[in-house]
């Protein structure tokens, strides 16, 4: 029976525990997408805070795939030195770090990219007020190659592995989902064909980086959309990727189109019974897939984390918002202070990132600004 604080090995990565910092948008990159001291300092803080494996905020493989301001980009070799500073600093602090790479697809920001967004099929994004064009075969080949080149740059920058973002309604997630993918060629139709581009991305990456670099995938447990990717589709995708040599899957869920159906929008988590948004999907995954599973979504308690690992419902426990509030949460739990994470799940941290301040816990910042005696 595995313990949450036991050392673990993932495709040659030796990890001090089974806690993972799940990727989020930090909003701390430079305006040109390069790495900054603020981002490096945050990653070092997480490493020193006890996180077993850090997954960076999503980094875009091609300029037209950028979802928002101050995202990391990796479409050119000029970004390698800054990222190398990040990995060097994390390794010096005793941490391990994986770079998440992706393409925003229909969620690409028109104002930032100056280009019409592209998706598997033409689509109107009502919340943003624009149409996306259907990708050509040439577009698909460009994206597949860009993923491979991005992974090679990540390897040169010293990352311990990469994670391919195929969740949350971003481009690869859209190909997997029948809600978004209405194609009638070899990239649309049944799950085998909808998975084709994802498999080609993995093949492109392996060709560029070799067999030894850990390659992880982030997948939706469900799109929480009528006609979207569901648990059965996720299991079929994971099985295909396992056979193709992927090394781990992180399960999340939801898309921009999911609205209130997305479990992450439930608001404050009052009790342990409210935790673990994607538990049913995790159970199904562990019944049929042997590839290691990272589980994210609504986990706030050490006891819940321990049970997930001990009961073989997950191999790793991923946390995002709790580590925004408390970068040292894992060390706090390990020291014996096992009170649940202080995160209130109010999502104000993302509004802070959108405002240009960089992601941070607004509640915690207000508390610190008041000081021990309150405002003067």
Protein backbone atom coordinates (compact mmCIF):
# COMPACT_ATOMS: atom_id res chain seq x y z
CA UNK A 1 0.00 0.00 0.00
CA UNK A 2 1.61 3.24 -1.16
CA UNK A 3 1.96 6.19 1.20
CA UNK A 4 1.48 9.79 0.10
CA UNK A 5 4.84 10.84 1.55
CA UNK A 6 6.79 7.85 0.25
CA UNK A 7 9.32 8.35 -2.50
CA UNK A 8 8.07 7.50 -5.96
CA UNK A 9 9.62 6.93 -9.36
CA UNK A 10 7.98 8.09 -12.58
CA UNK A 11 9.81 7.06 -15.78
CA UNK A 12 13.15 7.51 -14.06
CA UNK A 13 12.18 10.66 -12.13
CA UNK A 14 12.78 10.10 -8.43
CA UNK A 15 10.17 12.09 -6.51
CA UNK A 16 10.18 12.74 -2.73
CA UNK A 17 6.40 12.26 -2.42
CA UNK A 18 3.22 11.83 -4.47
CA UNK A 19 2.04 15.45 -4.44
CA UNK A 20 2.00 17.29 -7.77
CA UNK A 21 1.59 20.97 -8.41
CA UNK A 22 -0.98 21.02 -11.21
CA UNK A 23 -0.42 23.55 -13.98
CA UNK A 24 -2.25 26.85 -13.94
CA UNK A 25 -1.92 30.16 -15.71
CA UNK A 26 0.33 32.31 -13.54
CA UNK A 27 0.15 35.46 -15.69
CA UNK A 28 3.77 36.20 -14.76
CA UNK A 29 5.62 35.75 -18.04
CA UNK A 30 7.00 38.76 -19.87
CA UNK A 31 4.81 40.32 -22.53
CA UNK A 32 6.82 38.49 -25.22
CA UNK A 33 6.26 35.13 -23.51
CA UNK A 34 9.71 34.78 -21.99
CA UNK A 35 10.43 33.58 -18.47
CA UNK A 36 10.73 36.13 -15.64
CA UNK A 37 12.27 36.25 -12.19
CA UNK A 38 8.78 36.27 -10.67
CA UNK A 39 8.01 32.92 -12.30
CA UNK A 40 11.35 31.46 -11.27
CA UNK A 41 10.84 32.61 -7.69
CA UNK A 42 7.38 31.03 -7.61
CA UNK A 43 8.67 27.68 -8.86
CA UNK A 44 11.48 27.73 -6.32
CA UNK A 45 8.96 28.53 -3.59
CA UNK A 46 6.92 25.49 -4.60
CA UNK A 47 10.00 23.27 -4.63
CA UNK A 48 11.05 24.47 -1.18
CA UNK A 49 7.44 24.06 -0.03
CA UNK A 50 7.65 20.30 -0.44
CA UNK A 51 5.85 19.60 -3.73
CA UNK A 52 7.09 16.31 -5.17
CA UNK A 53 6.65 17.34 -8.81
CA UNK A 54 5.96 20.79 -10.25
CA UNK A 55 4.08 21.14 -13.55
CA UNK A 56 4.61 24.60 -14.99
CA UNK A 57 1.84 26.86 -16.17
CA UNK A 58 0.82 26.00 -19.72
CA UNK A 59 3.32 27.11 -22.31
CA UNK A 60 2.30 27.71 -25.90
CA UNK A 61 3.94 25.90 -28.77
CA UNK A 62 3.04 28.45 -31.46
CA UNK A 63 2.16 32.17 -31.32
CA UNK A 64 -1.35 31.74 -32.76
CA UNK A 65 -2.19 29.31 -29.91
CA UNK A 66 -1.92 31.80 -27.05
CA UNK A 67 -4.97 31.97 -24.76
CA UNK A 68 -4.19 35.06 -22.73
CA UNK A 69 -1.64 37.68 -21.68
CA UNK A 70 1.65 36.88 -20.04
CA UNK A 71 1.65 33.18 -20.95
CA UNK A 72 4.96 31.44 -21.48
CA UNK A 73 5.82 30.73 -25.11
CA UNK A 74 8.27 28.19 -26.49
CA UNK A 75 8.03 28.48 -30.25
CA UNK A 76 11.58 29.79 -30.66
CA UNK A 77 15.03 28.91 -29.29
CA UNK A 78 15.35 32.38 -27.79
CA UNK A 79 13.09 31.24 -24.93
CA UNK A 80 15.43 28.45 -23.85
CA UNK A 81 17.87 30.51 -21.69
CA UNK A 82 15.14 31.92 -19.45
CA UNK A 83 13.55 28.51 -19.01
CA UNK A 84 16.96 27.02 -18.25
CA UNK A 85 17.31 29.55 -15.44
CA UNK A 86 14.00 28.28 -14.08
CA UNK A 87 14.92 24.59 -14.13
CA UNK A 88 18.39 25.27 -12.71
CA UNK A 89 16.88 27.18 -9.79
CA UNK A 90 14.27 24.49 -9.13
CA UNK A 91 16.87 21.72 -9.23
CA UNK A 92 19.12 23.69 -6.88
CA UNK A 93 16.15 23.87 -4.47
CA UNK A 94 15.80 20.09 -4.67
CA UNK A 95 12.73 20.03 -6.91
CA UNK A 96 11.60 18.35 -10.12
CA UNK A 97 9.75 20.27 -12.81
CA UNK A 98 7.81 19.33 -15.94
CA UNK A 99 6.86 21.82 -18.65
CA UNK A 100 3.23 21.77 -19.79
CA UNK A 101 2.89 22.54 -23.49
CA UNK A 102 -0.28 23.22 -25.43
CA UNK A 103 -2.25 25.16 -28.01
CA UNK A 104 -5.43 27.05 -27.12
CA UNK A 105 -7.34 26.26 -30.31
CA UNK A 106 -10.70 28.00 -30.27
CA UNK A 107 -9.73 29.76 -27.03
CA UNK A 108 -6.80 31.60 -28.61
CA UNK A 109 -6.92 35.33 -27.95
CA UNK A 110 -7.55 37.24 -31.19
CA UNK A 111 -6.30 40.55 -29.80
CA UNK A 112 -3.00 39.03 -28.74
CA UNK A 113 -2.34 36.82 -31.74
CA UNK A 114 -3.81 39.01 -34.50
CA UNK A 115 -5.04 35.81 -36.17
CA UNK A 116 -8.38 34.08 -36.52
CA UNK A 117 -8.45 31.17 -34.07
CA UNK A 118 -8.53 27.68 -35.50
CA UNK A 119 -10.23 24.53 -34.26
CA UNK A 120 -10.92 21.03 -35.58
CA UNK A 121 -14.16 22.34 -37.13
CA UNK A 122 -15.57 25.82 -37.68
CA UNK A 123 -17.11 27.13 -34.47
CA UNK A 124 -18.66 30.29 -33.06
CA UNK A 125 -17.39 31.14 -29.58
CA UNK A 126 -20.30 33.12 -28.18
CA UNK A 127 -18.54 34.23 -24.98
CA UNK A 128 -15.79 35.86 -27.06
CA UNK A 129 -17.85 36.88 -30.09
CA UNK A 130 -15.82 35.35 -32.90
CA UNK A 131 -15.77 32.45 -35.35
CA UNK A 132 -12.98 29.88 -35.48
CA UNK A 133 -11.92 28.44 -38.80
CA UNK A 134 -11.63 24.71 -39.45
CA UNK A 135 -8.02 23.51 -39.58
CA UNK A 136 -6.53 22.27 -42.81
CA UNK A 137 -4.30 19.19 -43.02
CA UNK A 138 -1.38 21.61 -43.38
CA UNK A 139 -2.42 23.29 -40.12
CA UNK A 140 -2.51 19.92 -38.38
CA UNK A 141 0.96 19.01 -39.61
CA UNK A 142 2.27 22.39 -38.45
CA UNK A 143 0.83 21.85 -34.95
CA UNK A 144 2.18 18.30 -34.69
CA UNK A 145 5.66 19.50 -35.65
CA UNK A 146 5.42 22.47 -33.26
CA UNK A 147 4.69 20.16 -30.34
CA UNK A 148 7.79 18.11 -31.16
CA UNK A 149 10.00 21.18 -31.42
CA UNK A 150 8.58 22.60 -28.18
CA UNK A 151 9.39 19.36 -26.37
CA UNK A 152 12.94 19.45 -27.74
CA UNK A 153 13.38 23.01 -26.45
CA UNK A 154 12.01 21.93 -23.05
CA UNK A 155 14.55 19.11 -22.97
CA UNK A 156 17.36 21.54 -23.83
CA UNK A 157 16.11 23.87 -21.09
CA UNK A 158 16.58 21.13 -18.51
CA UNK A 159 13.01 20.14 -17.72
CA UNK A 160 12.57 16.71 -16.16
CA UNK A 161 9.68 15.91 -18.49
CA UNK A 162 6.80 17.45 -20.38
CA UNK A 163 3.03 17.38 -20.09
CA UNK A 164 0.85 17.67 -23.18
CA UNK A 165 -2.26 19.75 -22.48
CA UNK A 166 -5.15 17.83 -24.04
CA UNK A 167 -7.87 18.98 -21.63
CA UNK A 168 -10.16 21.94 -20.89
CA UNK A 169 -11.36 22.46 -24.46
CA UNK A 170 -7.96 23.51 -25.78
CA UNK A 171 -6.96 22.35 -29.25
CA UNK A 172 -6.10 18.70 -28.62
CA UNK A 173 -9.06 18.38 -26.25
CA UNK A 174 -11.27 19.73 -29.03
CA UNK A 175 -10.07 17.05 -31.42
CA UNK A 176 -10.92 14.38 -28.83
CA UNK A 177 -14.42 15.76 -28.27
CA UNK A 178 -17.32 15.03 -30.65
CA UNK A 179 -18.88 18.31 -29.47
CA UNK A 180 -16.08 20.27 -31.15
CA UNK A 181 -14.82 17.80 -33.75
CA UNK A 182 -17.23 17.44 -36.66
CA UNK A 183 -14.56 16.53 -39.21
CA UNK A 184 -15.26 13.93 -41.88
CA UNK A 185 -11.65 13.13 -42.72
CA UNK A 186 -9.17 10.87 -40.92
CA UNK A 187 -9.06 13.25 -37.92
CA UNK A 188 -12.77 13.05 -37.10
CA UNK A 189 -15.44 10.42 -36.54
CA UNK A 190 -14.84 7.56 -34.10
CA UNK A 191 -12.50 7.72 -31.14
CA UNK A 192 -9.63 6.14 -33.08
CA UNK A 193 -9.68 8.95 -35.62
CA UNK A 194 -10.38 11.72 -33.09
CA UNK A 195 -7.29 10.53 -31.19
CA UNK A 196 -5.13 10.54 -34.33
CA UNK A 197 -3.63 14.02 -33.88
CA UNK A 198 -2.83 13.33 -30.21
CA UNK A 199 -1.02 10.15 -31.16
CA UNK A 200 0.87 12.02 -33.88
CA UNK A 201 1.88 14.66 -31.34
CA UNK A 202 3.28 11.95 -29.06
CA UNK A 203 5.15 10.37 -31.98
CA UNK A 204 6.55 13.77 -32.99
CA UNK A 205 7.75 14.40 -29.46
CA UNK A 206 9.38 10.98 -29.13
CA UNK A 207 11.15 11.52 -32.44
CA UNK A 208 12.56 14.82 -31.15
CA UNK A 209 13.46 13.95 -27.54
CA UNK A 210 14.06 10.20 -27.60
CA UNK A 211 12.54 7.43 -25.48
CA UNK A 212 13.67 8.46 -22.00
CA UNK A 213 12.11 11.87 -21.30
CA UNK A 214 8.86 11.42 -19.35
CA UNK A 215 5.81 12.45 -21.41
CA UNK A 216 2.60 13.07 -19.49
CA UNK A 217 -0.88 13.94 -20.73
CA UNK A 218 -3.60 16.07 -19.19
CA UNK A 219 -7.02 14.75 -20.21
CA UNK A 220 -10.61 15.64 -19.46
CA UNK A 221 -12.43 13.01 -17.43
CA UNK A 222 -15.47 14.54 -19.13
CA UNK A 223 -16.26 17.74 -21.02
CA UNK A 224 -19.50 18.09 -19.02
CA UNK A 225 -21.19 18.97 -22.28
CA UNK A 226 -24.06 17.28 -24.08
CA UNK A 227 -22.43 15.48 -26.98
CA UNK A 228 -18.91 16.05 -25.62
CA UNK A 229 -16.11 13.75 -24.52
CA UNK A 230 -17.29 11.51 -21.68
CA UNK A 231 -15.68 8.97 -19.35
CA UNK A 232 -15.89 6.22 -21.96
CA UNK A 233 -14.09 8.40 -24.48
CA UNK A 234 -11.45 9.33 -21.92
CA UNK A 235 -10.82 5.66 -21.10
CA UNK A 236 -10.48 4.80 -24.79
CA UNK A 237 -8.04 7.68 -25.29
CA UNK A 238 -5.98 6.73 -22.24
CA UNK A 239 -5.80 3.11 -23.40
CA UNK A 240 -4.52 4.19 -26.81
CA UNK A 241 -1.93 6.52 -25.29
CA UNK A 242 -0.78 3.82 -22.88
CA UNK A 243 -0.13 1.46 -25.80
CA UNK A 244 1.71 4.26 -27.61
CA UNK A 245 4.12 4.77 -24.71
CA UNK A 246 2.79 7.74 -22.72
CA UNK A 247 4.03 7.74 -19.13
CA UNK A 248 1.18 9.18 -17.03
CA UNK A 249 -2.21 10.89 -17.25
CA UNK A 250 -3.55 13.75 -15.15
CA UNK A 251 -7.36 13.79 -15.05
CA UNK A 252 -9.25 17.06 -14.97
CA UNK A 253 -12.49 18.16 -16.65
CA UNK A 254 -14.67 20.81 -18.25
CA UNK A 255 -14.34 23.39 -21.03
CA UNK A 256 -15.11 27.05 -21.67
CA UNK A 257 -18.51 25.89 -22.96
CA UNK A 258 -19.35 23.82 -19.86
CA UNK A 259 -20.48 26.77 -17.71
CA UNK A 260 -21.96 25.76 -14.38
CA UNK A 261 -21.79 22.09 -15.36
CA UNK A 262 -18.06 22.24 -14.66
CA UNK A 263 -17.47 20.83 -11.12
CA UNK A 264 -14.73 23.41 -10.52
CA UNK A 265 -17.48 26.06 -10.47
CA UNK A 266 -19.23 24.53 -7.46
CA UNK A 267 -17.75 27.13 -5.16
CA UNK A 268 -16.63 26.65 -1.58
CA UNK A 269 -15.79 23.11 -0.52
CA UNK A 270 -17.40 22.66 2.89
CA UNK A 271 -16.47 19.07 3.80
CA UNK A 272 -14.37 16.10 2.73
CA UNK A 273 -17.47 14.68 1.03
CA UNK A 274 -17.37 17.65 -1.36
CA UNK A 275 -13.77 16.97 -2.36
CA UNK A 276 -12.39 15.09 -5.40
CA UNK A 277 -14.48 16.31 -8.35
CA UNK A 278 -13.52 13.48 -10.71
CA UNK A 279 -13.58 10.49 -8.35
CA UNK A 280 -15.90 8.30 -10.44
CA UNK A 281 -13.70 8.79 -13.49
CA UNK A 282 -10.62 7.92 -11.43
CA UNK A 283 -12.23 4.68 -10.26
CA UNK A 284 -13.04 3.69 -13.82
CA UNK A 285 -9.53 4.61 -14.97
CA UNK A 286 -7.81 2.49 -12.33
CA UNK A 287 -10.00 -0.49 -13.21
CA UNK A 288 -8.70 -0.69 -16.77
CA UNK A 289 -5.58 1.47 -17.21
CA UNK A 290 -2.22 0.67 -15.64
CA UNK A 291 -0.50 3.93 -16.67
CA UNK A 292 0.07 6.10 -13.54
CA UNK A 293 -2.78 8.47 -12.70
CA UNK A 294 -2.52 12.01 -11.34
CA UNK A 295 -5.84 13.27 -10.03
CA UNK A 296 -6.68 16.96 -9.67
CA UNK A 297 -9.86 18.81 -8.75
CA UNK A 298 -11.24 19.88 -5.38
CA UNK A 299 -8.76 18.05 -3.16
CA UNK A 300 -8.24 20.04 0.02
CA UNK A 301 -7.43 17.59 2.85
CA UNK A 302 -4.42 15.47 3.72
CA UNK A 303 -6.67 12.60 4.82
CA UNK A 304 -8.45 12.59 1.45
CA UNK A 305 -5.10 12.68 -0.35
CA UNK A 306 -3.82 9.76 1.71
CA UNK A 307 -6.92 7.67 1.02
CA UNK A 308 -6.74 8.32 -2.72
CA UNK A 309 -3.23 6.87 -2.87
CA UNK A 310 -3.68 4.13 -0.25
CA UNK A 311 -6.91 2.89 -1.87
CA UNK A 312 -5.31 2.90 -5.35
CA UNK A 313 -7.69 5.52 -6.71
CA UNK A 314 -4.74 7.67 -7.79
CA UNK A 315 -0.99 7.29 -7.94
CA UNK A 316 -0.37 11.02 -7.46
CA UNK A 317 -2.46 13.84 -5.98
CA UNK A 318 -2.44 17.09 -7.95
CA UNK A 319 -3.19 20.45 -6.34
CA UNK A 320 -3.54 23.82 -8.03
CA UNK A 321 -5.53 26.48 -6.17
CA UNK A 322 -4.48 25.26 -2.69
CA UNK A 323 -0.84 25.86 -3.62
CA UNK A 324 -1.66 29.35 -4.85
CA UNK A 325 -2.85 30.15 -1.32
CA UNK A 326 -0.17 28.08 0.44
CA UNK A 327 2.97 27.22 -1.58
CA UNK A 328 4.31 25.51 1.57
CA UNK A 329 1.19 23.39 2.15
CA UNK A 330 2.92 20.03 1.64
CA UNK A 331 5.61 20.81 4.19
CA UNK A 332 2.90 22.00 6.62
CA UNK A 333 1.06 18.71 6.31
CA UNK A 334 4.26 16.70 6.59
CA UNK A 335 5.25 18.60 9.76
CA UNK A 336 2.10 17.39 11.52
CA UNK A 337 -0.22 20.38 10.98
CA UNK A 338 -2.88 18.46 9.06
CA UNK A 339 -5.61 21.11 8.94
CA UNK A 340 -7.20 21.26 5.49
CA UNK A 341 -5.87 23.66 2.89
CA UNK A 342 -6.86 27.28 3.50
CA UNK A 343 -8.00 27.78 -0.12
CA UNK A 344 -11.63 28.92 -0.26
CA UNK A 345 -12.17 27.91 -3.91
CA UNK A 346 -13.48 31.39 -4.73
CA UNK A 347 -11.47 31.65 -7.99
CA UNK A 348 -10.44 35.22 -7.17
CA UNK A 349 -6.85 34.12 -7.85
CA UNK A 350 -7.63 33.83 -11.57
CA UNK A 351 -9.15 37.30 -11.66
CA UNK A 352 -5.89 38.56 -10.21
CA UNK A 353 -3.98 36.91 -13.06
CA UNK A 354 -6.35 38.43 -15.63
CA UNK A 355 -5.79 41.89 -14.14
CA UNK A 356 -2.06 41.67 -14.83
CA UNK A 357 -1.03 41.26 -11.19
CA UNK A 358 -0.06 37.61 -11.59
CA UNK A 359 -1.92 34.74 -9.97
CA UNK A 360 -2.10 34.99 -6.19
CA UNK A 361 -4.57 34.40 -3.39
CA UNK A 362 -6.49 37.66 -3.06
CA UNK A 363 -7.80 36.70 0.39
CA UNK A 364 -4.30 35.97 1.70
CA UNK A 365 -2.95 39.20 0.22
CA UNK A 366 -5.69 41.21 1.94
CA UNK A 367 -4.84 39.51 5.21
CA UNK A 368 -1.15 40.33 4.90
CA UNK A 369 -1.90 43.92 3.84
CA UNK A 370 -3.99 44.43 6.98
CA UNK A 371 -1.22 43.13 9.19
CA UNK A 372 -1.67 41.69 12.69
CA UNK A 373 -3.59 44.70 13.98
CA UNK A 374 -5.77 45.32 10.91
CA UNK A 375 -5.82 48.41 8.69
CA UNK A 376 -4.68 51.71 10.16
